[in-house]
Amino acid sequence: MNRKISIDKKNKELYIEYKLNISDLQYL
């Protein structure tokens, strides 16, 4: 259970980073 939470947290961070990268591309 604890491990799953850390995986979810990591995925959420990756997703946020991905969204930020996408928005950066839109401004180019």
N, C-alpha and C. Protein backbone atom coordinates (compact mmCIF):
# COMPACT_ATOMS: atom_id res chain seq x y z
N MET A 1 0.84 -1.21 0.00
CA MET A 1 0.00 0.00 0.00
C MET A 1 0.87 1.25 0.00
N ASN A 2 1.81 1.28 0.90
CA ASN A 2 2.71 2.43 0.98
C ASN A 2 3.48 2.61 -0.33
N ARG A 3 3.90 1.50 -0.89
CA ARG A 3 4.65 1.53 -2.14
C ARG A 3 3.79 2.08 -3.28
N LYS A 4 2.54 1.68 -3.31
CA LYS A 4 1.62 2.16 -4.35
C LYS A 4 1.48 3.68 -4.27
N ILE A 5 1.39 4.19 -3.06
CA ILE A 5 1.25 5.65 -2.89
C ILE A 5 2.48 6.35 -3.46
N SER A 6 3.68 5.82 -3.19
CA SER A 6 4.88 6.46 -3.71
C SER A 6 4.93 6.39 -5.24
N ILE A 7 4.43 5.29 -5.80
CA ILE A 7 4.36 5.17 -7.27
C ILE A 7 3.38 6.20 -7.83
N ASP A 8 2.22 6.32 -7.19
CA ASP A 8 1.23 7.30 -7.64
C ASP A 8 1.80 8.71 -7.57
N LYS A 9 2.54 8.99 -6.50
CA LYS A 9 3.13 10.31 -6.33
C LYS A 9 4.13 10.58 -7.45
N LYS A 10 4.95 9.58 -7.75
CA LYS A 10 5.94 9.71 -8.81
C LYS A 10 5.24 9.94 -10.15
N ASN A 11 4.19 9.17 -10.42
CA ASN A 11 3.44 9.33 -11.67
C ASN A 11 2.83 10.72 -11.78
N LYS A 12 2.33 11.22 -10.67
CA LYS A 12 1.73 12.54 -10.66
C LYS A 12 2.78 13.60 -10.98
N GLU A 13 3.97 13.44 -10.40
CA GLU A 13 5.06 14.38 -10.68
C GLU A 13 5.46 14.31 -12.15
N LEU A 14 5.54 13.10 -12.69
CA LEU A 14 5.88 12.94 -14.10
C LEU A 14 4.82 13.57 -14.99
N TYR A 15 3.56 13.38 -14.62
CA TYR A 15 2.45 13.93 -15.39
C TYR A 15 2.49 15.45 -15.39
N ILE A 16 2.76 16.03 -14.21
CA ILE A 16 2.86 17.49 -14.12
C ILE A 16 4.02 17.99 -14.98
N GLU A 17 5.14 17.31 -14.90
CA GLU A 17 6.31 17.69 -15.69
C GLU A 17 5.98 17.60 -17.18
N TYR A 18 5.28 16.54 -17.58
CA TYR A 18 4.87 16.35 -18.96
C TYR A 18 3.95 17.48 -19.42
N LYS A 19 2.98 17.83 -18.59
CA LYS A 19 2.06 18.92 -18.93
C LYS A 19 2.82 20.23 -19.07
N LEU A 20 3.79 20.46 -18.20
CA LEU A 20 4.58 21.69 -18.27
C LEU A 20 5.37 21.71 -19.58
N ASN A 21 5.94 20.58 -19.96
CA ASN A 21 6.68 20.50 -21.21
C ASN A 21 5.78 20.76 -22.41
N ILE A 22 4.59 20.23 -22.38
CA ILE A 22 3.63 20.45 -23.46
C ILE A 22 3.27 21.93 -23.57
N SER A 23 3.02 22.56 -22.44
CA SER A 23 2.66 23.98 -22.49
C SER A 23 3.84 24.82 -22.96
N ASP A 24 5.06 24.41 -22.63
CA ASP A 24 6.24 25.11 -23.13
C ASP A 24 6.29 25.02 -24.66
N LEU A 25 5.98 23.85 -25.19
CA LEU A 25 5.99 23.67 -26.63
C LEU A 25 4.95 24.56 -27.31
N GLN A 26 3.82 24.74 -26.68
CA GLN A 26 2.76 25.55 -27.28
C GLN A 26 3.17 27.02 -27.40
N TYR A 27 4.11 27.45 -26.54
CA TYR A 27 4.52 28.86 -26.60
C TYR A 27 5.64 29.10 -27.60
N LEU A 28 6.20 28.04 -28.15
CA LEU A 28 7.29 28.21 -29.12
C LEU A 28 6.78 28.76 -30.45
